[in-house]
């Protein structure tokens, strides 16, 4: 069964500003370049209860979907994804224990239960060691890391997020499973950047 809103390939680009994180989500053209703007997301920094709102465009005149944490300041917090009417579409959460060595997320929506991990254990370990070294850990390094999400029942890939080599955070997101709604996939893709360090 295909999700009500299915997008097989899209791109996420972060826009850095002083008080908020902003993300642009574009359709991907066949050649991999940016197509039409699908959504514009905004996350307030230092919020007690995490929430990211997605708008139809940068005017922010129409909310199209969102995700927010159920709990305040909790490393185990589940994040629910909602459509523009506030109907829940799915949820995701970081698996804290499994993430100590290699970042791991659980994703549910549209009949899918999936687990996503950093693709390369060596990069996961290097990122953690880098942050532990005094003075050096404060130097920003754009580690290129990718996440692969697989269905826990079938083992099939449902979502792939690959960070592009660039100074600003940019991701290419592929959704091979048509059951995964774009709004859930886009929320998870943005969360992988916005919440990764938490």
N, C-alpha and C. Protein backbone atom coordinates (compact mmCIF):
# COMPACT_ATOMS: atom_id res chain seq x y z
N UNK A 1 0.84 -1.20 0.00
CA UNK A 1 0.00 0.00 0.00
C UNK A 1 0.88 1.25 0.00
N UNK A 2 0.55 2.19 -0.85
CA UNK A 2 1.33 3.43 -0.94
C UNK A 2 0.78 4.47 0.03
N UNK A 3 1.68 5.18 0.70
CA UNK A 3 1.30 6.23 1.65
C UNK A 3 0.54 7.34 0.94
N UNK A 4 -0.32 8.08 1.66
CA UNK A 4 -1.07 9.19 1.04
C UNK A 4 -0.16 10.23 0.40
N UNK A 5 1.00 10.44 0.95
CA UNK A 5 1.95 11.41 0.40
C UNK A 5 3.31 10.73 0.32
N UNK A 6 3.64 10.21 -0.86
CA UNK A 6 4.89 9.46 -1.03
C UNK A 6 5.83 10.21 -1.97
N UNK A 7 7.06 10.43 -1.50
CA UNK A 7 8.11 11.08 -2.30
C UNK A 7 9.34 10.16 -2.23
N UNK A 8 9.73 9.55 -3.35
CA UNK A 8 10.81 8.56 -3.31
C UNK A 8 12.21 9.13 -3.09
N UNK A 9 12.43 10.40 -3.42
CA UNK A 9 13.77 10.98 -3.28
C UNK A 9 13.63 12.49 -3.07
N UNK A 10 14.25 13.00 -2.00
CA UNK A 10 14.23 14.44 -1.75
C UNK A 10 15.54 14.87 -1.11
N UNK A 11 15.74 16.18 -1.04
CA UNK A 11 16.97 16.76 -0.53
C UNK A 11 16.65 17.68 0.64
N UNK A 12 17.53 17.68 1.65
CA UNK A 12 17.37 18.54 2.82
C UNK A 12 18.59 19.44 2.92
N UNK A 13 18.35 20.74 3.06
CA UNK A 13 19.45 21.68 3.22
C UNK A 13 19.20 22.55 4.45
N UNK A 14 20.21 22.65 5.33
CA UNK A 14 20.07 23.46 6.53
C UNK A 14 20.45 24.90 6.24
N UNK A 15 19.69 25.82 6.83
CA UNK A 15 20.01 27.25 6.78
C UNK A 15 20.31 27.68 8.21
N UNK A 16 21.53 28.12 8.46
CA UNK A 16 21.94 28.47 9.82
C UNK A 16 21.62 29.93 10.11
N UNK A 17 20.91 30.18 11.21
CA UNK A 17 20.63 31.53 11.68
C UNK A 17 20.92 31.58 13.18
N UNK A 18 20.84 32.76 13.77
CA UNK A 18 21.26 32.95 15.15
C UNK A 18 20.40 32.20 16.17
N UNK A 19 19.08 32.31 16.08
CA UNK A 19 18.22 31.76 17.13
C UNK A 19 17.44 30.51 16.72
N UNK A 20 17.37 30.20 15.44
CA UNK A 20 16.60 29.04 15.00
C UNK A 20 17.38 28.26 13.94
N UNK A 21 17.11 26.97 13.87
CA UNK A 21 17.60 26.16 12.77
C UNK A 21 16.50 26.11 11.72
N UNK A 22 16.87 26.31 10.48
CA UNK A 22 15.90 26.26 9.39
C UNK A 22 16.35 25.23 8.37
N UNK A 23 15.38 24.54 7.79
CA UNK A 23 15.66 23.50 6.81
C UNK A 23 14.75 23.67 5.60
N UNK A 24 15.33 23.53 4.44
CA UNK A 24 14.56 23.53 3.19
C UNK A 24 14.55 22.10 2.67
N UNK A 25 13.36 21.63 2.28
CA UNK A 25 13.23 20.29 1.73
C UNK A 25 12.79 20.44 0.27
N UNK A 26 13.62 19.92 -0.62
CA UNK A 26 13.37 20.02 -2.05
C UNK A 26 13.10 18.64 -2.65
N UNK A 27 12.25 18.59 -3.66
CA UNK A 27 12.15 17.38 -4.48
C UNK A 27 13.48 17.21 -5.20
N UNK A 28 13.86 15.98 -5.45
CA UNK A 28 15.11 15.73 -6.18
C UNK A 28 14.79 15.48 -7.65
N UNK A 29 15.47 16.20 -8.53
CA UNK A 29 15.34 15.97 -9.96
C UNK A 29 16.02 14.65 -10.33
N UNK A 30 15.71 14.09 -11.51
CA UNK A 30 16.35 12.83 -11.92
C UNK A 30 17.88 12.87 -11.90
N UNK A 31 18.46 14.07 -12.13
CA UNK A 31 19.93 14.18 -12.12
C UNK A 31 20.50 14.43 -10.72
N UNK A 32 19.62 14.45 -9.70
CA UNK A 32 20.07 14.66 -8.32
C UNK A 32 20.08 16.11 -7.88
N UNK A 33 19.77 17.03 -8.77
CA UNK A 33 19.74 18.45 -8.41
C UNK A 33 18.44 18.81 -7.70
N UNK A 34 18.40 20.01 -7.10
CA UNK A 34 17.21 20.45 -6.37
C UNK A 34 16.08 20.79 -7.31
N UNK A 35 14.90 20.27 -7.00
CA UNK A 35 13.69 20.60 -7.74
C UNK A 35 12.86 21.59 -6.96
N UNK A 36 11.54 21.40 -6.96
CA UNK A 36 10.65 22.34 -6.28
C UNK A 36 10.77 22.21 -4.76
N UNK A 37 10.50 23.33 -4.07
CA UNK A 37 10.49 23.34 -2.61
C UNK A 37 9.25 22.60 -2.13
N UNK A 38 9.45 21.56 -1.31
CA UNK A 38 8.33 20.78 -0.78
C UNK A 38 7.90 21.26 0.60
N UNK A 39 8.86 21.73 1.38
CA UNK A 39 8.54 22.20 2.74
C UNK A 39 9.69 23.03 3.28
N UNK A 40 9.35 23.88 4.23
CA UNK A 40 10.33 24.71 4.93
C UNK A 40 10.13 24.46 6.41
N UNK A 41 11.20 24.07 7.12
CA UNK A 41 11.08 23.71 8.54
C UNK A 41 11.83 24.68 9.41
N UNK A 42 11.31 24.87 10.63
CA UNK A 42 11.96 25.76 11.58
C UNK A 42 11.96 25.12 12.96
N UNK A 43 13.14 25.14 13.62
CA UNK A 43 13.30 24.59 14.97
C UNK A 43 13.88 25.66 15.87
N UNK A 44 13.21 25.94 16.96
CA UNK A 44 13.76 26.88 17.94
C UNK A 44 14.86 26.18 18.72
N UNK A 45 15.97 26.87 18.90
CA UNK A 45 17.06 26.32 19.71
C UNK A 45 16.76 26.52 21.18
N UNK A 46 17.34 25.65 22.02
CA UNK A 46 17.24 25.75 23.47
C UNK A 46 15.79 25.64 23.96
N UNK A 47 14.93 24.93 23.22
CA UNK A 47 13.55 24.76 23.68
C UNK A 47 13.49 23.66 24.73
N UNK A 48 12.60 23.82 25.73
CA UNK A 48 12.45 22.80 26.77
C UNK A 48 11.76 21.56 26.21
N UNK A 49 10.86 21.77 25.26
CA UNK A 49 10.16 20.66 24.63
C UNK A 49 10.35 20.79 23.13
N UNK A 50 11.07 19.84 22.58
CA UNK A 50 11.48 19.90 21.18
C UNK A 50 10.27 19.93 20.25
N UNK A 51 10.29 20.87 19.28
CA UNK A 51 9.25 20.91 18.25
C UNK A 51 9.83 21.50 16.99
N UNK A 52 9.50 20.87 15.87
CA UNK A 52 9.88 21.39 14.56
C UNK A 52 8.62 21.47 13.73
N UNK A 53 8.37 22.66 13.15
CA UNK A 53 7.18 22.90 12.34
C UNK A 53 7.59 23.03 10.88
N UNK A 54 6.84 22.37 10.01
CA UNK A 54 7.10 22.41 8.57
C UNK A 54 6.00 23.24 7.90
N UNK A 55 6.43 24.16 7.06
CA UNK A 55 5.51 25.06 6.36
C UNK A 55 5.55 24.79 4.86
N UNK A 56 4.51 25.28 4.16
CA UNK A 56 4.44 25.09 2.72
C UNK A 56 5.57 25.84 2.01
N UNK A 57 5.98 27.00 2.58
CA UNK A 57 7.07 27.77 1.99
C UNK A 57 7.66 28.69 3.06
N UNK A 58 8.63 29.51 2.67
CA UNK A 58 9.35 30.34 3.65
C UNK A 58 8.53 31.51 4.19
N UNK A 59 7.36 31.77 3.62
CA UNK A 59 6.49 32.81 4.18
C UNK A 59 5.85 32.34 5.49
N UNK A 60 5.86 31.02 5.73
CA UNK A 60 5.30 30.40 6.94
C UNK A 60 3.81 30.71 7.12
N UNK A 61 3.11 30.90 6.02
CA UNK A 61 1.69 31.22 6.10
C UNK A 61 0.81 29.98 6.30
N UNK A 62 1.36 28.80 5.99
CA UNK A 62 0.57 27.58 6.13
C UNK A 62 1.43 26.45 6.69
N UNK A 63 1.01 25.91 7.84
CA UNK A 63 1.67 24.75 8.43
C UNK A 63 1.18 23.50 7.70
N UNK A 64 2.13 22.62 7.30
CA UNK A 64 1.73 21.42 6.58
C UNK A 64 1.96 20.14 7.39
N UNK A 65 2.92 20.14 8.31
CA UNK A 65 3.09 19.04 9.25
C UNK A 65 4.11 19.46 10.30
N UNK A 66 4.30 18.62 11.32
CA UNK A 66 5.22 18.96 12.41
C UNK A 66 5.61 17.70 13.16
N UNK A 67 6.65 17.84 13.98
CA UNK A 67 6.91 16.79 14.97
C UNK A 67 7.27 17.46 16.28
N UNK A 68 6.92 16.79 17.38
CA UNK A 68 7.26 17.33 18.70
C UNK A 68 7.45 16.20 19.69
N UNK A 69 8.26 16.50 20.69
CA UNK A 69 8.58 15.52 21.74
C UNK A 69 7.41 15.39 22.71
N UNK A 70 7.23 14.19 23.21
CA UNK A 70 6.21 13.96 24.23
C UNK A 70 6.68 14.46 25.59
N UNK A 71 7.99 14.37 25.85
CA UNK A 71 8.54 14.76 27.14
C UNK A 71 9.47 15.96 26.98
N UNK A 72 9.80 16.57 28.10
CA UNK A 72 10.75 17.69 28.11
C UNK A 72 12.14 17.18 28.44
N UNK A 73 13.13 17.65 27.69
CA UNK A 73 14.54 17.39 27.98
C UNK A 73 14.81 15.95 28.40
N UNK A 74 14.43 15.00 27.56
CA UNK A 74 14.58 13.58 27.89
C UNK A 74 15.28 12.89 26.74
N UNK A 75 16.41 12.22 27.03
CA UNK A 75 17.17 11.56 25.96
C UNK A 75 16.39 10.42 25.33
N UNK A 76 15.39 9.90 26.05
CA UNK A 76 14.58 8.81 25.53
C UNK A 76 13.29 9.32 24.87
N UNK A 77 13.16 10.63 24.70
CA UNK A 77 11.89 11.22 24.26
C UNK A 77 11.43 10.66 22.92
N UNK A 78 10.16 10.34 22.87
CA UNK A 78 9.54 9.96 21.61
C UNK A 78 9.01 11.22 20.96
N UNK A 79 9.16 11.29 19.66
CA UNK A 79 8.71 12.44 18.89
C UNK A 79 7.58 12.00 17.97
N UNK A 80 6.42 12.61 18.13
CA UNK A 80 5.26 12.29 17.30
C UNK A 80 5.23 13.20 16.08
N UNK A 81 4.84 12.63 14.94
CA UNK A 81 4.70 13.39 13.69
C UNK A 81 3.22 13.60 13.42
N UNK A 82 2.84 14.85 13.13
CA UNK A 82 1.43 15.21 12.92
C UNK A 82 1.23 15.85 11.56
N UNK A 83 0.04 15.61 10.96
CA UNK A 83 -0.29 16.32 9.72
C UNK A 83 -0.80 17.71 10.06
N UNK A 84 -1.24 18.45 9.07
CA UNK A 84 -1.65 19.85 9.30
C UNK A 84 -2.90 19.97 10.17
N UNK A 85 -3.70 18.89 10.27
CA UNK A 85 -4.88 18.91 11.14
C UNK A 85 -4.58 18.40 12.54
N UNK A 86 -3.34 18.00 12.81
CA UNK A 86 -2.97 17.49 14.12
C UNK A 86 -3.19 16.00 14.28
N UNK A 87 -3.43 15.29 13.17
CA UNK A 87 -3.59 13.83 13.21
C UNK A 87 -2.20 13.18 13.21
N UNK A 88 -1.99 12.23 14.12
CA UNK A 88 -0.68 11.59 14.22
C UNK A 88 -0.44 10.68 13.02
N UNK A 89 0.76 10.81 12.43
CA UNK A 89 1.15 10.02 11.26
C UNK A 89 2.16 8.93 11.61
N UNK A 90 2.91 9.13 12.69
CA UNK A 90 3.95 8.18 13.07
C UNK A 90 4.76 8.77 14.20
N UNK A 91 5.83 8.08 14.57
CA UNK A 91 6.72 8.61 15.60
C UNK A 91 8.11 8.03 15.43
N UNK A 92 9.07 8.67 16.10
CA UNK A 92 10.43 8.16 16.12
C UNK A 92 11.06 8.48 17.46
N UNK A 93 12.13 7.75 17.79
CA UNK A 93 12.86 8.03 19.02
C UNK A 93 14.29 7.52 18.86
N UNK A 94 15.19 8.15 19.59
CA UNK A 94 16.57 7.71 19.61
C UNK A 94 16.71 6.60 20.63
N UNK A 95 17.33 5.50 20.21
CA UNK A 95 17.58 4.38 21.12
C UNK A 95 18.85 4.71 21.89
N UNK A 96 18.69 5.25 23.09
CA UNK A 96 19.82 5.82 23.82
C UNK A 96 20.94 4.82 24.08
N UNK A 97 20.62 3.65 24.61
CA UNK A 97 21.65 2.65 24.92
C UNK A 97 22.42 2.22 23.69
N UNK A 98 21.71 1.90 22.62
CA UNK A 98 22.36 1.47 21.38
C UNK A 98 23.16 2.59 20.75
N UNK A 99 22.81 3.84 21.06
CA UNK A 99 23.47 4.99 20.44
C UNK A 99 24.78 5.38 21.11
N UNK A 100 25.11 4.74 22.22
CA UNK A 100 26.36 5.10 22.89
C UNK A 100 27.56 4.85 21.99
N UNK A 101 27.50 3.83 21.17
CA UNK A 101 28.59 3.51 20.26
C UNK A 101 28.28 3.93 18.83
N UNK A 102 27.03 3.76 18.44
CA UNK A 102 26.63 4.01 17.06
C UNK A 102 25.20 4.53 17.08
N UNK A 103 24.97 5.75 16.62
CA UNK A 103 23.65 6.36 16.72
C UNK A 103 22.58 5.46 16.09
N UNK A 104 21.52 5.23 16.86
CA UNK A 104 20.46 4.32 16.44
C UNK A 104 19.11 4.97 16.72
N UNK A 105 18.20 4.89 15.74
CA UNK A 105 16.86 5.47 15.86
C UNK A 105 15.83 4.41 15.55
N UNK A 106 14.66 4.54 16.18
CA UNK A 106 13.51 3.70 15.85
C UNK A 106 12.46 4.58 15.20
N UNK A 107 11.84 4.07 14.14
CA UNK A 107 10.89 4.83 13.33
C UNK A 107 9.66 3.98 13.07
N UNK A 108 8.47 4.57 13.31
CA UNK A 108 7.22 3.86 13.09
C UNK A 108 6.25 4.77 12.34
N UNK A 109 5.54 4.20 11.37
CA UNK A 109 4.53 4.95 10.63
C UNK A 109 4.08 4.20 9.40
N UNK A 110 2.77 4.23 9.11
CA UNK A 110 2.25 3.60 7.91
C UNK A 110 2.44 2.10 7.86
N UNK A 111 2.40 1.45 9.02
CA UNK A 111 2.59 0.01 9.06
C UNK A 111 4.04 -0.42 9.06
N UNK A 112 4.95 0.54 9.17
CA UNK A 112 6.39 0.26 9.18
C UNK A 112 6.93 0.41 10.60
N UNK A 113 7.72 -0.57 11.01
CA UNK A 113 8.54 -0.46 12.21
C UNK A 113 9.97 -0.66 11.72
N UNK A 114 10.79 0.36 11.86
CA UNK A 114 12.15 0.30 11.31
C UNK A 114 13.18 0.77 12.33
N UNK A 115 14.40 0.32 12.15
CA UNK A 115 15.53 0.75 12.95
C UNK A 115 16.57 1.33 12.00
N UNK A 116 17.09 2.50 12.37
CA UNK A 116 18.12 3.15 11.56
C UNK A 116 19.40 3.32 12.34
N UNK A 117 20.52 3.06 11.68
CA UNK A 117 21.83 3.22 12.32
C UNK A 117 22.78 3.95 11.39
N UNK A 118 23.81 4.57 12.01
CA UNK A 118 24.90 5.11 11.21
C UNK A 118 25.50 3.96 10.41
N UNK A 119 25.74 4.22 9.14
CA UNK A 119 26.21 3.16 8.25
C UNK A 119 27.60 2.66 8.63
N UNK A 120 28.49 3.59 8.95
CA UNK A 120 29.89 3.21 9.19
C UNK A 120 30.25 3.35 10.66
N UNK A 121 30.53 2.20 11.28
CA UNK A 121 30.91 2.19 12.69
C UNK A 121 32.18 3.00 12.92
N UNK A 122 33.12 2.95 11.98
CA UNK A 122 34.39 3.68 12.15
C UNK A 122 34.16 5.18 12.26
N UNK A 123 33.25 5.74 11.46
CA UNK A 123 32.94 7.18 11.54
C UNK A 123 32.24 7.49 12.85
N UNK A 124 31.34 6.61 13.28
CA UNK A 124 30.64 6.81 14.55
C UNK A 124 31.63 6.90 15.71
N UNK A 125 32.59 5.98 15.73
CA UNK A 125 33.59 5.98 16.81
C UNK A 125 34.49 7.21 16.71
N UNK A 126 34.92 7.56 15.50
CA UNK A 126 35.78 8.73 15.30
C UNK A 126 35.10 10.00 15.78
N UNK A 127 33.82 10.16 15.49
CA UNK A 127 33.09 11.35 15.95
C UNK A 127 33.08 11.44 17.46
N UNK A 128 32.88 10.31 18.13
CA UNK A 128 32.84 10.31 19.58
C UNK A 128 34.21 10.60 20.20
N UNK A 129 35.26 10.00 19.65
CA UNK A 129 36.61 10.24 20.15
C UNK A 129 37.00 11.70 19.93
N UNK A 130 36.66 12.25 18.76
CA UNK A 130 36.99 13.64 18.44
C UNK A 130 36.41 14.59 19.48
N UNK A 131 35.18 14.35 19.88
CA UNK A 131 34.51 15.23 20.85
C UNK A 131 35.05 15.10 22.26
N UNK A 132 35.79 14.01 22.55
CA UNK A 132 36.34 13.81 23.89
C UNK A 132 37.71 14.45 24.08
N UNK A 133 38.40 14.76 22.99
CA UNK A 133 39.75 15.30 23.09
C UNK A 133 39.68 16.79 23.47
N UNK A 134 40.30 17.19 24.58
CA UNK A 134 40.25 18.60 24.99
C UNK A 134 40.78 19.52 23.89
N UNK A 135 40.13 20.65 23.70
CA UNK A 135 40.47 21.69 22.73
C UNK A 135 40.19 21.26 21.29
N UNK A 136 40.57 20.06 20.93
CA UNK A 136 40.35 19.61 19.55
C UNK A 136 38.86 19.37 19.30
N UNK A 137 38.15 18.85 20.32
CA UNK A 137 36.73 18.58 20.18
C UNK A 137 35.90 19.81 19.87
N UNK A 138 36.45 21.01 20.18
CA UNK A 138 35.74 22.25 19.88
C UNK A 138 35.92 22.69 18.43
N UNK A 139 36.83 22.06 17.71
CA UNK A 139 37.05 22.39 16.29
C UNK A 139 35.99 21.67 15.48
N UNK A 140 35.24 22.42 14.68
CA UNK A 140 34.17 21.84 13.90
C UNK A 140 34.72 21.09 12.70
N UNK A 141 34.31 19.83 12.57
CA UNK A 141 34.70 19.01 11.44
C UNK A 141 33.43 18.43 10.81
N UNK A 142 33.22 18.63 9.51
CA UNK A 142 32.00 18.13 8.87
C UNK A 142 32.09 16.63 8.57
N UNK A 143 31.93 15.80 9.61
CA UNK A 143 31.97 14.35 9.40
C UNK A 143 30.83 13.96 8.46
N UNK A 144 31.16 13.17 7.47
CA UNK A 144 30.14 12.70 6.53
C UNK A 144 29.60 11.38 7.06
N UNK A 145 28.34 11.39 7.51
CA UNK A 145 27.76 10.15 8.02
C UNK A 145 26.41 9.91 7.37
N UNK A 146 26.11 8.64 7.22
CA UNK A 146 24.89 8.21 6.55
C UNK A 146 24.09 7.31 7.49
N UNK A 147 22.77 7.30 7.32
CA UNK A 147 21.89 6.44 8.09
C UNK A 147 21.09 5.54 7.15
N UNK A 148 20.99 4.29 7.53
CA UNK A 148 20.17 3.32 6.80
C UNK A 148 19.11 2.77 7.74
N UNK A 149 17.84 2.87 7.35
CA UNK A 149 16.72 2.35 8.13
C UNK A 149 16.17 1.11 7.45
N UNK A 150 16.03 0.03 8.23
CA UNK A 150 15.50 -1.21 7.68
C UNK A 150 14.28 -1.65 8.48
N UNK A 151 13.34 -2.26 7.78
CA UNK A 151 12.13 -2.79 8.39
C UNK A 151 12.51 -3.94 9.33
N UNK A 152 12.03 -3.89 10.56
CA UNK A 152 12.41 -4.92 11.55
C UNK A 152 11.81 -6.28 11.21
N UNK A 153 10.74 -6.32 10.41
CA UNK A 153 10.12 -7.60 10.05
C UNK A 153 10.75 -8.22 8.81
N UNK A 154 10.99 -7.39 7.78
CA UNK A 154 11.44 -7.93 6.50
C UNK A 154 12.93 -7.73 6.23
N UNK A 155 13.54 -6.78 6.95
CA UNK A 155 14.95 -6.47 6.69
C UNK A 155 15.16 -5.59 5.47
N UNK A 156 14.07 -5.18 4.82
CA UNK A 156 14.17 -4.34 3.63
C UNK A 156 14.46 -2.88 4.02
N UNK A 157 15.20 -2.18 3.18
CA UNK A 157 15.51 -0.78 3.41
C UNK A 157 14.27 0.07 3.19
N UNK A 158 13.96 0.96 4.14
CA UNK A 158 12.80 1.83 4.01
C UNK A 158 13.18 3.30 3.87
N UNK A 159 14.38 3.68 4.36
CA UNK A 159 14.81 5.08 4.33
C UNK A 159 16.33 5.12 4.39
N UNK A 160 16.91 5.98 3.54
CA UNK A 160 18.36 6.19 3.53
C UNK A 160 18.61 7.69 3.53
N UNK A 161 19.41 8.16 4.49
CA UNK A 161 19.80 9.57 4.55
C UNK A 161 21.32 9.65 4.41
N UNK A 162 21.78 10.33 3.38
CA UNK A 162 23.22 10.44 3.12
C UNK A 162 23.63 11.90 3.15
N UNK A 163 24.60 12.20 3.99
CA UNK A 163 25.10 13.58 4.10
C UNK A 163 26.04 13.85 2.94
N UNK A 164 25.81 14.97 2.28
CA UNK A 164 26.67 15.37 1.18
C UNK A 164 27.90 16.09 1.70
N UNK A 165 28.99 16.01 0.97
CA UNK A 165 30.21 16.71 1.37
C UNK A 165 30.04 18.19 1.06
N UNK A 166 29.87 18.98 2.13
CA UNK A 166 29.71 20.43 1.98
C UNK A 166 29.90 21.06 3.35
N UNK A 167 30.15 22.38 3.37
CA UNK A 167 30.33 23.08 4.64
C UNK A 167 29.00 23.14 5.39
N UNK A 168 27.92 23.46 4.70
CA UNK A 168 26.60 23.46 5.32
C UNK A 168 26.00 22.06 5.23
N UNK A 169 25.17 21.73 6.21
CA UNK A 169 24.56 20.40 6.23
C UNK A 169 23.57 20.24 5.09
N UNK A 170 23.84 19.24 4.25
CA UNK A 170 22.95 18.90 3.15
C UNK A 170 22.83 17.39 3.09
N UNK A 171 21.62 16.92 2.83
CA UNK A 171 21.36 15.48 2.83
C UNK A 171 20.56 15.08 1.60
N UNK A 172 20.89 13.91 1.08
CA UNK A 172 20.10 13.27 0.04
C UNK A 172 19.34 12.13 0.69
N UNK A 173 18.02 12.15 0.58
CA UNK A 173 17.18 11.18 1.27
C UNK A 173 16.42 10.34 0.24
N UNK A 174 16.56 9.02 0.35
CA UNK A 174 15.88 8.08 -0.54
C UNK A 174 14.90 7.26 0.28
N UNK A 175 13.69 7.09 -0.27
CA UNK A 175 12.64 6.34 0.42
C UNK A 175 12.18 5.21 -0.51
N UNK A 176 12.83 4.04 -0.45
CA UNK A 176 12.44 2.96 -1.35
C UNK A 176 11.12 2.29 -1.01
N UNK A 177 10.62 2.46 0.22
CA UNK A 177 9.37 1.82 0.64
C UNK A 177 8.20 2.80 0.49
N UNK A 178 7.27 2.53 -0.43
CA UNK A 178 6.16 3.47 -0.68
C UNK A 178 5.18 3.59 0.47
N UNK A 179 5.29 2.74 1.48
CA UNK A 179 4.40 2.86 2.65
C UNK A 179 4.79 4.02 3.55
N UNK A 180 6.03 4.51 3.42
CA UNK A 180 6.52 5.55 4.32
C UNK A 180 6.12 6.93 3.80
N UNK A 181 5.24 7.58 4.54
CA UNK A 181 4.73 8.90 4.17
C UNK A 181 5.87 9.92 4.15
N UNK A 182 5.84 10.81 3.16
CA UNK A 182 6.86 11.86 3.03
C UNK A 182 7.00 12.68 4.30
N UNK A 183 5.88 12.97 4.97
CA UNK A 183 5.93 13.82 6.15
C UNK A 183 6.68 13.14 7.31
N UNK A 184 6.53 11.82 7.42
CA UNK A 184 7.28 11.07 8.44
C UNK A 184 8.75 10.98 8.04
N UNK A 185 8.99 10.69 6.75
CA UNK A 185 10.37 10.58 6.25
C UNK A 185 11.11 11.91 6.39
N UNK A 186 10.46 13.02 6.04
CA UNK A 186 11.10 14.33 6.13
C UNK A 186 11.35 14.72 7.58
N UNK A 187 10.43 14.39 8.47
CA UNK A 187 10.62 14.66 9.89
C UNK A 187 11.82 13.89 10.43
N UNK A 188 11.93 12.62 10.06
CA UNK A 188 13.06 11.81 10.52
C UNK A 188 14.36 12.37 9.94
N UNK A 189 14.36 12.75 8.68
CA UNK A 189 15.57 13.28 8.04
C UNK A 189 16.05 14.56 8.71
N UNK A 190 15.14 15.45 9.04
CA UNK A 190 15.50 16.69 9.73
C UNK A 190 15.96 16.39 11.15
N UNK A 191 15.30 15.46 11.82
CA UNK A 191 15.68 15.10 13.19
C UNK A 191 17.11 14.53 13.24
N UNK A 192 17.50 13.81 12.20
CA UNK A 192 18.85 13.24 12.17
C UNK A 192 19.91 14.33 12.23
N UNK A 193 19.57 15.52 11.75
CA UNK A 193 20.50 16.65 11.85
C UNK A 193 20.23 17.45 13.13
N UNK A 194 18.98 17.81 13.36
CA UNK A 194 18.64 18.72 14.45
C UNK A 194 18.82 18.10 15.83
N UNK A 195 18.60 16.80 15.96
CA UNK A 195 18.63 16.16 17.27
C UNK A 195 19.78 15.19 17.45
N UNK A 196 20.63 15.04 16.45
CA UNK A 196 21.66 14.02 16.47
C UNK A 196 22.59 14.11 17.69
N UNK A 197 22.92 15.31 18.10
CA UNK A 197 23.88 15.47 19.19
C UNK A 197 23.26 15.32 20.58
N UNK A 198 21.94 15.07 20.63
CA UNK A 198 21.30 15.02 21.95
C UNK A 198 21.22 13.62 22.48
